[in-house]
N, C-alpha and C. Protein backbone atom coordinates (compact mmCIF):
# COMPACT_ATOMS: atom_id res chain seq x y z
N UNK A 1 98.99 107.65 121.07
CA UNK A 1 98.20 108.66 120.36
C UNK A 1 97.59 109.67 121.06
N UNK A 2 97.90 110.60 120.21
CA UNK A 2 97.65 112.03 121.04
C UNK A 2 95.91 112.41 120.87
N UNK A 3 95.76 113.25 121.75
CA UNK A 3 94.21 113.87 121.99
C UNK A 3 93.75 114.16 120.49
N UNK A 4 94.22 114.82 119.74
CA UNK A 4 93.74 115.35 118.54
C UNK A 4 93.41 114.03 117.64
N UNK A 5 94.47 112.90 117.62
CA UNK A 5 94.49 111.94 116.80
C UNK A 5 93.14 111.15 117.51
N UNK A 6 92.82 110.92 118.64
CA UNK A 6 91.82 110.20 119.30
C UNK A 6 90.54 110.88 118.65
N UNK A 7 90.31 112.40 118.67
CA UNK A 7 89.10 113.05 118.39
C UNK A 7 88.91 112.55 116.92
N UNK A 8 90.00 112.76 116.23
CA UNK A 8 89.93 112.58 114.56
C UNK A 8 89.42 111.13 114.37
N UNK A 9 89.80 110.25 114.99
CA UNK A 9 89.36 109.00 114.84
C UNK A 9 88.01 108.59 115.31
N UNK A 10 87.71 109.16 116.36
CA UNK A 10 86.11 109.27 116.62
C UNK A 10 85.25 109.83 115.86
N UNK A 11 85.70 111.08 115.31
CA UNK A 11 85.05 111.37 114.44
C UNK A 11 84.83 110.96 113.10
N UNK A 12 85.63 110.27 112.34
CA UNK A 12 85.89 109.58 111.25
C UNK A 12 84.87 108.39 111.40
N UNK A 13 85.10 107.50 112.49
CA UNK A 13 84.29 106.34 112.83
C UNK A 13 82.80 106.72 113.01
N UNK A 14 82.28 108.03 113.34
CA UNK A 14 80.76 108.40 113.42
C UNK A 14 80.43 108.55 112.07
N UNK A 15 81.55 109.39 111.37
CA UNK A 15 80.98 109.81 110.20
C UNK A 15 80.71 108.61 109.19
N UNK A 16 81.84 107.58 109.36
CA UNK A 16 81.56 106.46 108.42
C UNK A 16 80.10 105.69 108.78
N UNK A 17 80.11 105.48 110.21
CA UNK A 17 78.85 104.83 110.60
C UNK A 17 77.43 105.34 110.21
N UNK A 18 77.41 106.52 110.44
CA UNK A 18 76.25 107.44 109.87
C UNK A 18 76.19 107.07 108.44
N UNK A 19 77.18 107.40 107.66
CA UNK A 19 76.85 107.31 106.15
C UNK A 19 76.58 105.76 105.65
N UNK A 20 77.21 104.70 106.30
CA UNK A 20 76.90 103.26 105.95
C UNK A 20 75.52 102.89 106.57
N UNK A 21 75.21 103.52 107.54
CA UNK A 21 73.52 103.37 108.09
C UNK A 21 72.72 103.75 107.19
N UNK A 22 72.91 105.02 106.69
CA UNK A 22 72.02 105.66 105.88
C UNK A 22 70.51 105.72 106.58
N UNK A 23 70.69 106.02 107.61
CA UNK A 23 69.44 106.03 108.46
C UNK A 23 69.61 106.65 109.90
N UNK A 24 68.50 106.85 110.65
CA UNK A 24 68.80 107.48 112.14
C UNK A 24 69.38 106.41 112.91
N UNK A 25 70.40 106.69 113.59
CA UNK A 25 71.03 105.67 114.61
C UNK A 25 71.27 106.38 116.11
N UNK A 26 70.79 105.63 116.73
CA UNK A 26 70.54 105.89 118.22
C UNK A 26 71.95 106.10 118.89
N UNK A 27 72.26 106.96 119.67
CA UNK A 27 73.54 107.31 120.37
C UNK A 27 74.28 106.00 121.21
N UNK A 28 73.20 105.39 121.73
CA UNK A 28 73.37 104.48 122.68
C UNK A 28 74.24 103.19 121.52
N UNK A 29 73.44 102.74 120.45
CA UNK A 29 74.20 102.17 119.45
C UNK A 29 75.54 102.43 119.18
N UNK A 30 75.96 103.57 118.77
CA UNK A 30 76.99 104.37 118.36
C UNK A 30 77.99 104.05 119.48
N UNK A 31 77.47 104.16 120.69
CA UNK A 31 78.41 104.11 121.91
C UNK A 31 78.82 102.68 122.07
N UNK A 32 77.76 101.79 121.97
CA UNK A 32 78.47 100.27 122.06
C UNK A 32 79.28 100.12 120.89
N UNK A 33 78.89 100.46 119.87
CA UNK A 33 79.89 100.02 118.48
C UNK A 33 81.23 100.46 118.90
N UNK A 34 81.46 101.67 119.26
CA UNK A 34 82.91 102.33 119.36
C UNK A 34 83.36 102.14 120.71
N UNK A 35 82.72 101.89 121.70
CA UNK A 35 83.23 101.66 123.05
C UNK A 35 83.39 102.89 123.74
N UNK A 36 82.98 104.10 123.28
CA UNK A 36 83.11 105.42 123.84
C UNK A 36 81.85 105.67 124.52
N UNK A 37 81.86 106.62 125.47
CA UNK A 37 80.91 107.15 126.47
C UNK A 37 79.77 108.00 125.45
N UNK A 38 78.61 107.77 126.00
CA UNK A 38 77.72 108.79 125.08
C UNK A 38 78.15 110.17 125.13
N UNK A 39 78.69 110.55 126.23
CA UNK A 39 79.09 111.82 126.42
C UNK A 39 80.29 112.41 125.26
N UNK A 40 81.24 111.54 125.10
CA UNK A 40 82.39 111.45 124.34
C UNK A 40 81.55 111.24 122.89
N UNK A 41 80.56 110.50 122.56
CA UNK A 41 79.84 110.45 121.24
C UNK A 41 79.16 111.81 120.94
N UNK A 42 78.38 112.54 122.05
CA UNK A 42 77.83 113.68 121.66
C UNK A 42 78.83 114.72 121.22
N UNK A 43 80.12 114.74 122.13
CA UNK A 43 81.31 115.66 121.91
C UNK A 43 81.67 115.50 120.35
N UNK A 44 81.97 114.44 120.19
CA UNK A 44 82.49 114.22 118.61
C UNK A 44 81.55 114.55 117.56
N UNK A 45 80.20 114.03 117.79
CA UNK A 45 79.08 114.56 116.72
C UNK A 45 79.07 116.16 116.82
N UNK A 46 79.14 116.69 117.65
CA UNK A 46 79.30 118.38 117.72
C UNK A 46 80.68 118.60 117.01
N UNK A 47 81.57 118.23 117.13
CA UNK A 47 82.88 118.49 116.21
C UNK A 47 82.46 118.08 114.97
N UNK A 48 82.13 116.96 114.55
CA UNK A 48 81.63 116.57 113.20
C UNK A 48 80.87 117.56 112.36
N UNK A 49 79.66 117.98 113.29
CA UNK A 49 78.74 118.84 112.73
C UNK A 49 79.30 120.10 112.28
N UNK A 50 80.39 120.83 113.34
CA UNK A 50 81.03 121.78 113.19
C UNK A 50 82.01 121.77 111.83
N UNK A 51 82.66 120.73 111.78
CA UNK A 51 83.60 120.42 110.56
C UNK A 51 82.87 120.44 109.43
N UNK A 52 81.65 119.77 109.15
CA UNK A 52 81.04 119.78 108.01
C UNK A 52 80.36 121.19 107.55
N UNK A 53 79.80 122.05 108.77
CA UNK A 53 79.53 123.39 108.55
C UNK A 53 80.78 124.16 108.26
N UNK A 54 81.81 124.25 108.79
CA UNK A 54 83.12 125.11 108.23
C UNK A 54 83.63 124.87 106.74
N UNK A 55 83.35 123.43 106.37
CA UNK A 55 83.89 123.43 104.79
C UNK A 55 82.60 123.59 103.99
N UNK A 56 81.45 124.12 104.44
CA UNK A 56 80.31 124.47 103.67
C UNK A 56 79.75 122.98 102.91
N UNK A 57 79.85 121.86 103.82
CA UNK A 57 79.42 120.72 103.18
C UNK A 57 77.94 120.52 102.94
N UNK A 58 77.51 119.96 101.85
CA UNK A 58 75.97 119.58 101.57
C UNK A 58 75.40 118.58 102.73
N UNK A 59 76.38 117.94 103.52
CA UNK A 59 76.05 116.97 104.29
C UNK A 59 75.86 117.76 105.78
N UNK A 60 74.85 117.59 106.38
CA UNK A 60 74.61 117.56 107.68
C UNK A 60 74.10 116.46 108.68
N UNK A 61 74.23 116.65 110.06
CA UNK A 61 73.74 115.75 110.72
C UNK A 61 72.66 116.13 111.68
N UNK A 62 71.48 115.48 111.71
CA UNK A 62 70.49 116.01 112.45
C UNK A 62 70.14 115.13 113.65
N UNK A 63 69.57 115.49 114.29
CA UNK A 63 69.27 114.72 115.77
C UNK A 63 67.59 115.20 115.99
N UNK A 64 67.12 114.12 116.39
CA UNK A 64 65.64 114.20 116.37
C UNK A 64 65.20 114.29 117.96
N UNK A 65 66.04 114.81 118.97
CA UNK A 65 65.67 114.87 120.37
C UNK A 65 65.68 113.76 121.21
N UNK A 66 65.98 112.54 120.55
CA UNK A 66 65.57 111.16 121.27
C UNK A 66 66.83 110.48 121.12
N UNK A 67 67.90 111.15 120.95
CA UNK A 67 69.45 110.37 120.63
C UNK A 67 69.68 109.75 119.33
N UNK A 68 68.61 110.00 118.25
CA UNK A 68 68.97 109.53 117.24
C UNK A 68 69.56 110.20 115.99
N UNK A 69 70.82 109.90 115.52
CA UNK A 69 71.62 110.92 114.66
C UNK A 69 71.50 110.47 113.23
N UNK A 70 71.08 111.30 112.39
CA UNK A 70 71.23 110.98 110.80
C UNK A 70 72.02 111.88 109.99
N UNK A 71 73.08 111.30 109.29
CA UNK A 71 73.99 112.05 108.25
C UNK A 71 72.93 112.18 106.92
N UNK A 72 72.59 113.48 106.54
CA UNK A 72 71.76 113.61 105.60
C UNK A 72 72.26 114.81 104.77
N UNK A 73 71.49 115.32 103.74
CA UNK A 73 71.93 116.53 102.85
C UNK A 73 71.07 117.70 103.56
N UNK A 74 71.84 118.90 103.23
CA UNK A 74 71.19 120.21 103.61
C UNK A 74 69.71 120.26 103.00
N UNK A 75 68.91 121.11 103.75
CA UNK A 75 67.44 121.49 103.04
C UNK A 75 67.75 122.05 101.67
N UNK A 76 69.03 123.09 101.61
CA UNK A 76 68.88 123.60 100.36
C UNK A 76 69.41 122.84 99.23
N UNK A 77 70.08 121.81 99.46
CA UNK A 77 70.68 120.86 98.41
C UNK A 77 69.24 119.84 97.96
N UNK A 78 68.85 119.34 99.18
CA UNK A 78 67.26 118.45 99.01
C UNK A 78 66.49 119.14 98.12
N UNK A 79 66.20 120.52 98.36
CA UNK A 79 65.19 120.98 97.32
C UNK A 79 65.62 121.17 96.04
N UNK A 80 66.76 121.17 95.85
CA UNK A 80 67.35 121.07 94.68
C UNK A 80 67.48 119.75 93.90
N UNK A 81 67.58 118.78 94.55
CA UNK A 81 67.45 117.50 94.40
C UNK A 81 66.37 116.34 94.46
N UNK A 82 65.36 117.15 95.16
CA UNK A 82 64.17 116.01 95.61
C UNK A 82 63.53 115.42 94.41
N UNK A 83 63.29 116.22 93.29
CA UNK A 83 62.65 115.47 92.03
C UNK A 83 63.26 114.48 91.77
N UNK A 84 64.36 114.09 91.82
CA UNK A 84 65.07 113.12 91.40
C UNK A 84 65.23 111.91 92.32
N UNK A 85 65.39 112.31 93.50
CA UNK A 85 65.55 111.02 94.53
C UNK A 85 64.28 110.78 95.36
N UNK A 86 63.46 111.88 95.63
CA UNK A 86 62.24 111.68 96.40
C UNK A 86 61.46 110.54 96.20
N UNK A 87 61.24 109.52 97.27
CA UNK A 87 60.52 108.38 97.00
C UNK A 87 59.22 108.59 96.98
N UNK A 88 58.80 109.55 97.67
CA UNK A 88 57.19 109.84 97.48
C UNK A 88 56.73 110.27 96.14
N UNK A 89 57.49 110.73 95.28
CA UNK A 89 57.45 110.87 93.92
C UNK A 89 57.22 109.63 93.01
N UNK A 90 58.13 108.77 93.39
CA UNK A 90 58.23 107.50 92.51
C UNK A 90 57.24 106.57 93.14
N UNK A 91 56.63 106.68 94.28
CA UNK A 91 55.69 105.62 94.75
C UNK A 91 54.67 106.56 95.06
N UNK A 92 53.49 106.05 94.24
CA UNK A 92 52.04 106.37 94.32
C UNK A 92 51.37 105.49 94.93
N UNK A 93 50.81 106.08 96.21
CA UNK A 93 50.36 104.71 96.91
C UNK A 93 48.45 105.06 96.93
N UNK A 94 47.71 104.07 96.95
CA UNK A 94 46.26 104.24 96.84
C UNK A 94 45.89 104.88 98.26
N UNK A 95 44.59 105.26 98.41
CA UNK A 95 44.11 105.42 99.74
C UNK A 95 43.92 104.22 100.73
N UNK A 96 43.62 103.14 99.88
CA UNK A 96 43.50 101.70 100.42
C UNK A 96 44.89 101.37 100.91
N UNK A 97 46.07 101.60 100.13
CA UNK A 97 47.18 101.15 100.71
C UNK A 97 47.89 102.07 101.86
N UNK A 98 47.51 103.59 101.70
CA UNK A 98 47.85 104.24 102.76
C UNK A 98 47.21 103.86 104.03
N UNK A 99 45.99 103.42 104.07
CA UNK A 99 44.83 103.02 105.35
C UNK A 99 45.84 101.93 105.71
N UNK A 100 46.19 101.08 105.19
CA UNK A 100 46.67 99.44 105.52
C UNK A 100 47.98 100.09 106.01
N UNK A 101 48.84 100.72 105.51
CA UNK A 101 50.20 101.04 105.80
C UNK A 101 50.10 101.81 107.28
N UNK A 102 49.10 102.45 107.30
CA UNK A 102 49.03 103.47 108.79
C UNK A 102 48.43 102.43 109.50
N UNK A 103 47.80 101.56 109.53
CA UNK A 103 47.40 100.31 110.48
C UNK A 103 48.63 99.62 110.71
N UNK A 104 49.41 99.15 109.82
CA UNK A 104 50.74 98.41 110.23
C UNK A 104 51.65 99.31 111.19
N UNK A 105 51.75 100.75 110.74
CA UNK A 105 52.67 101.46 111.23
C UNK A 105 52.29 101.45 112.79
N UNK A 106 50.80 101.73 113.15
CA UNK A 106 50.44 101.98 114.75
C UNK A 106 50.29 100.87 115.38
N UNK A 107 50.13 100.02 114.50
CA UNK A 107 49.74 98.42 115.41
C UNK A 107 51.00 97.52 115.44
N UNK A 108 51.91 97.68 114.56
CA UNK A 108 53.06 96.89 114.46
C UNK A 108 53.61 96.13 115.79
N UNK A 109 53.96 94.94 115.67
CA UNK A 109 53.81 93.95 114.66
C UNK A 109 52.40 93.26 114.66
N UNK A 110 51.81 93.23 113.44
CA UNK A 110 50.24 92.81 113.42
C UNK A 110 50.25 91.95 112.14
N UNK A 111 49.35 91.05 112.33
CA UNK A 111 49.25 89.87 111.22
C UNK A 111 48.04 90.72 110.35
N UNK A 112 48.16 89.87 108.94
CA UNK A 112 47.23 90.17 107.86
C UNK A 112 45.81 90.39 108.40
N UNK A 113 45.40 88.89 109.13
CA UNK A 113 44.07 88.94 109.61
C UNK A 113 43.70 90.26 110.50
N UNK A 114 44.44 90.36 111.28
CA UNK A 114 44.30 91.64 112.31
C UNK A 114 43.94 93.02 111.40
N UNK A 115 44.77 93.16 110.56
CA UNK A 115 44.51 94.27 109.48
C UNK A 115 43.37 94.26 108.82
N UNK A 116 43.15 93.07 108.13
CA UNK A 116 41.75 92.70 107.73
C UNK A 116 40.50 92.98 108.80
N UNK A 117 40.72 92.53 110.08
CA UNK A 117 39.56 92.81 110.94
C UNK A 117 39.39 94.33 111.17
N UNK A 118 40.41 95.15 111.18
CA UNK A 118 40.36 96.50 111.40
C UNK A 118 39.74 97.23 110.01
N UNK A 119 40.30 96.97 108.86
CA UNK A 119 39.63 97.55 107.53
C UNK A 119 38.46 96.93 106.96
N UNK A 120 38.34 95.72 107.30
CA UNK A 120 36.99 94.96 107.27
C UNK A 120 36.99 94.83 105.55
N UNK A 121 38.16 94.61 105.00
CA UNK A 121 38.10 93.97 103.53
C UNK A 121 39.61 93.11 103.69
N UNK A 122 39.80 92.49 102.63
CA UNK A 122 41.25 91.62 102.46
C UNK A 122 42.01 92.62 101.93
N UNK A 123 43.52 92.46 102.37
CA UNK A 123 44.52 93.20 102.17
C UNK A 123 45.59 92.63 101.63
N UNK A 124 45.53 91.37 100.94
CA UNK A 124 46.72 90.39 100.74
C UNK A 124 47.43 91.17 99.70
N UNK A 125 46.56 91.63 98.75
CA UNK A 125 47.13 92.22 97.57
C UNK A 125 47.91 93.53 97.92
N UNK A 126 47.35 94.50 98.96
CA UNK A 126 47.79 95.58 99.30
C UNK A 126 49.16 95.24 99.94
N UNK A 127 49.09 94.35 100.79
CA UNK A 127 50.30 94.18 101.64
C UNK A 127 51.45 93.68 100.50
N UNK A 128 51.24 93.04 99.52
CA UNK A 128 52.25 92.60 98.50
C UNK A 128 52.79 94.02 97.75
N UNK A 129 51.67 94.88 97.29
CA UNK A 129 52.34 96.27 96.98
C UNK A 129 53.06 96.97 97.86
N UNK A 130 52.66 96.80 99.23
CA UNK A 130 53.68 97.40 100.05
C UNK A 130 55.03 97.00 100.37
N UNK A 131 54.98 95.67 100.20
CA UNK A 131 56.39 94.97 100.14
C UNK A 131 57.07 95.38 98.76
N UNK A 132 56.48 95.28 97.81
CA UNK A 132 57.25 95.72 96.42
C UNK A 132 57.92 97.15 96.52
N UNK A 133 57.12 98.15 97.30
CA UNK A 133 57.90 99.36 97.55
C UNK A 133 58.62 99.52 98.79
N UNK A 134 58.83 98.21 99.51
CA UNK A 134 60.04 98.25 100.43
C UNK A 134 59.32 99.28 101.59
N UNK A 135 58.03 99.07 101.90
CA UNK A 135 57.60 99.93 102.94
C UNK A 135 57.08 99.08 103.92
N UNK A 136 56.87 97.80 104.00
CA UNK A 136 56.58 96.86 105.07
C UNK A 136 57.42 95.75 104.92
N UNK A 137 57.97 95.21 106.07
CA UNK A 137 58.68 93.59 106.20
C UNK A 137 58.08 92.87 106.96
N UNK A 138 58.43 91.36 107.02
CA UNK A 138 58.11 90.58 107.86
C UNK A 138 59.01 90.75 109.12
N UNK A 139 58.01 90.76 110.30
CA UNK A 139 58.78 90.66 111.49
C UNK A 139 58.84 89.61 112.34
N UNK A 140 58.47 88.24 111.77
CA UNK A 140 58.41 87.04 112.37
C UNK A 140 57.18 86.76 112.41
N UNK A 141 57.08 85.34 113.33
CA UNK A 141 55.69 84.83 113.40
C UNK A 141 54.97 85.04 114.52
N UNK A 142 53.72 85.12 114.87
CA UNK A 142 52.93 85.34 115.88
C UNK A 142 52.89 83.68 116.55
N UNK A 143 52.94 83.64 118.04
CA UNK A 143 52.89 82.60 118.65
C UNK A 143 51.29 82.44 119.00
N UNK A 144 50.73 81.94 117.71
CA UNK A 144 49.29 81.74 117.98
C UNK A 144 49.24 80.50 116.80
N UNK A 145 47.85 79.98 117.00
CA UNK A 145 47.60 78.61 116.00
C UNK A 145 47.93 79.34 114.44
N UNK A 146 48.73 78.39 113.88
CA UNK A 146 49.00 78.55 112.37
C UNK A 146 50.11 79.57 112.11
N UNK A 147 50.57 80.12 113.27
CA UNK A 147 51.81 80.82 113.30
C UNK A 147 51.85 81.83 112.13
N UNK A 148 50.73 82.90 111.97
CA UNK A 148 50.80 83.85 110.95
C UNK A 148 51.98 84.75 111.10
N UNK A 149 52.17 85.24 109.95
CA UNK A 149 53.51 86.44 109.84
C UNK A 149 52.94 87.71 110.41
N UNK A 150 53.97 88.41 111.05
CA UNK A 150 53.66 89.53 111.51
C UNK A 150 54.51 90.63 110.55
N UNK A 151 53.71 91.69 110.35
CA UNK A 151 54.28 93.09 109.68
C UNK A 151 54.34 94.16 110.18
N UNK A 152 55.48 94.66 109.92
CA UNK A 152 56.08 95.98 110.65
C UNK A 152 56.58 96.92 109.14
N UNK A 153 56.77 97.79 109.47
CA UNK A 153 57.43 98.94 108.68
C UNK A 153 58.84 98.84 108.50
N UNK A 154 59.26 99.53 107.52
CA UNK A 154 60.83 99.75 107.08
C UNK A 154 61.62 100.97 107.12
N UNK A 155 62.93 100.90 107.06
CA UNK A 155 63.57 102.32 106.93
C UNK A 155 63.20 103.19 105.96
N UNK A 156 62.66 102.39 104.64
CA UNK A 156 61.84 103.12 103.62
C UNK A 156 60.73 103.66 103.82
N UNK A 157 60.00 103.09 104.76
CA UNK A 157 58.77 103.80 105.32
C UNK A 157 58.92 104.89 105.85
N UNK A 158 59.94 105.06 106.79
CA UNK A 158 60.44 106.12 107.57
C UNK A 158 60.84 107.50 106.51
N UNK A 159 61.56 106.87 105.54
CA UNK A 159 62.17 107.69 104.60
C UNK A 159 60.86 108.40 103.71
N UNK A 160 60.15 107.67 103.29
CA UNK A 160 59.11 108.05 102.66
C UNK A 160 58.04 109.09 103.20
N UNK A 161 57.96 109.17 104.69
CA UNK A 161 57.05 110.03 105.38
C UNK A 161 58.09 110.93 106.13
N UNK A 162 59.52 111.09 105.81
CA UNK A 162 60.25 112.12 106.33
C UNK A 162 60.34 111.83 107.94
N UNK A 163 60.52 110.74 108.48
CA UNK A 163 60.58 110.41 109.94
C UNK A 163 61.83 109.89 110.14
N UNK A 164 62.59 110.30 111.54
CA UNK A 164 63.68 109.72 111.94
C UNK A 164 63.38 108.43 112.52
N UNK A 165 62.19 108.40 113.18
CA UNK A 165 61.97 107.26 114.00
C UNK A 165 60.57 106.83 113.94
N UNK A 166 60.11 105.64 114.08
CA UNK A 166 58.42 105.39 114.22
C UNK A 166 58.01 106.06 115.40
N UNK A 167 58.72 106.22 116.16
CA UNK A 167 58.08 107.10 117.41
C UNK A 167 57.89 108.51 117.16
N UNK A 168 58.08 108.96 116.06
CA UNK A 168 57.74 110.50 115.34
C UNK A 168 56.54 110.64 114.63
N UNK A 169 55.93 109.35 114.55
CA UNK A 169 54.49 109.10 114.21
C UNK A 169 53.75 110.15 115.04
N UNK A 170 52.89 110.88 114.43
CA UNK A 170 51.92 111.83 115.30
C UNK A 170 50.97 110.87 116.13
N UNK A 171 50.46 111.41 117.22
CA UNK A 171 49.76 110.22 118.21
C UNK A 171 48.38 110.03 117.32
N UNK A 172 47.90 108.93 117.44
CA UNK A 172 46.63 108.62 116.80
C UNK A 172 45.45 109.78 117.42
N UNK A 173 45.55 110.05 118.50
CA UNK A 173 44.55 111.11 119.05
C UNK A 173 44.55 112.16 118.18
N UNK A 174 45.60 112.61 117.36
CA UNK A 174 45.40 113.68 116.78
C UNK A 174 44.43 113.41 115.54
N UNK A 175 44.26 112.45 115.07
CA UNK A 175 43.43 111.89 113.66
C UNK A 175 41.93 111.68 114.40
N UNK A 176 42.08 111.39 115.62
CA UNK A 176 40.63 111.33 116.51
C UNK A 176 39.74 112.54 116.35
N UNK A 177 40.63 113.54 116.52
CA UNK A 177 40.17 114.91 116.65
C UNK A 177 39.38 115.40 115.22
N UNK A 178 40.13 114.79 114.15
CA UNK A 178 39.76 115.38 112.93
C UNK A 178 38.91 114.44 112.32
C-alpha cells in the first residue's frame, strides 16, 4: 500500500469514527482503535479538516483543546437549522429540574438521597423527567448499605448545553461569585 493510500485510509477511518460516535472523541481513543500514533491521528485530522474545507462541506471538525474531536456542522448551517434540531428548544426544564441537573453534573456520580440532601426537597419525580429527556443516566450502584443508584449526565446533556466534555463546565467558583 502506498503512502497516499495509507493517509486516505486513516482519514476515512477517523471520519467514519467521528460520524458514528456523534459526540466528542478523545484522540487517545482514536489512537487505540486505529493502532496509529497520536501524532499520525493529529496529522490525519488536519488533512480531513482541510479536505472538508476545500470541498466547502457543511461539516467541520472541532477540537476542545483537551484532545477531544467532534464532527459537527458549520455555525452557518447550524444557524439555519437549529430551530428544527436544537434540543434546547424541544426540552423545557423547570428551575427545579435545572438545579437538580446542575447538582448531578457537578457531583456525579451521586445518589438521589445525596441530591435531596443538597436541595432539601424530594427529587424522584425530577430525576424521572431528566431520564425521560435523556439528560441523566444510571452510573452503577454505590458501595454502601442499600446499594443506592448513582446518577450522572449523558451525551445528550453535553449536547443540550453545547459542551464537548463534562470538564468544559464552568468552575463552581464562578457561580459563588454571582
